[in-house]
């Protein structure tokens, strides 16, 4: 099955975010105030976006947010491909660190990509999160 990863419009990212992350909430709930500043990537399979992630670069740091894969396409490696691509793209911008607010139940997934847990934990929308990060050093 051939897939591609492309930059997508924020509205396309919103559609997948809404379906996967917070379908019970209003569409405005999944929009970020700084979505205009993000680089949105989509993994496309059979001409359909099935996984999305948004990358926000701030000087030497990058944060990826709103990483979502359609339920029917989860556990098939598509999200992993998209996250690997996003980390590579972030490095191209010269960032020294990439981080995310990881849902606690997804910590092991992010560890596979070299992200480590910080001591910063919080709860939002009834879900528990921990900030995870990966330092690139001077490579």
Foldseek 3Di string as FASTA:
>chain_A
DDKDKDFDQVVLLLVQLCQFPPVVDDSVVSDDPVQVQWTKMFIDDPNHGFWIWTWHDDPQEIEIDSTGGHPVCPPVCRSVVVVVVVVVVSVVVVHFKYKYWAFPVCQVVVVVVVWDFDPDWDDDPNTITTMTMHGNPRD
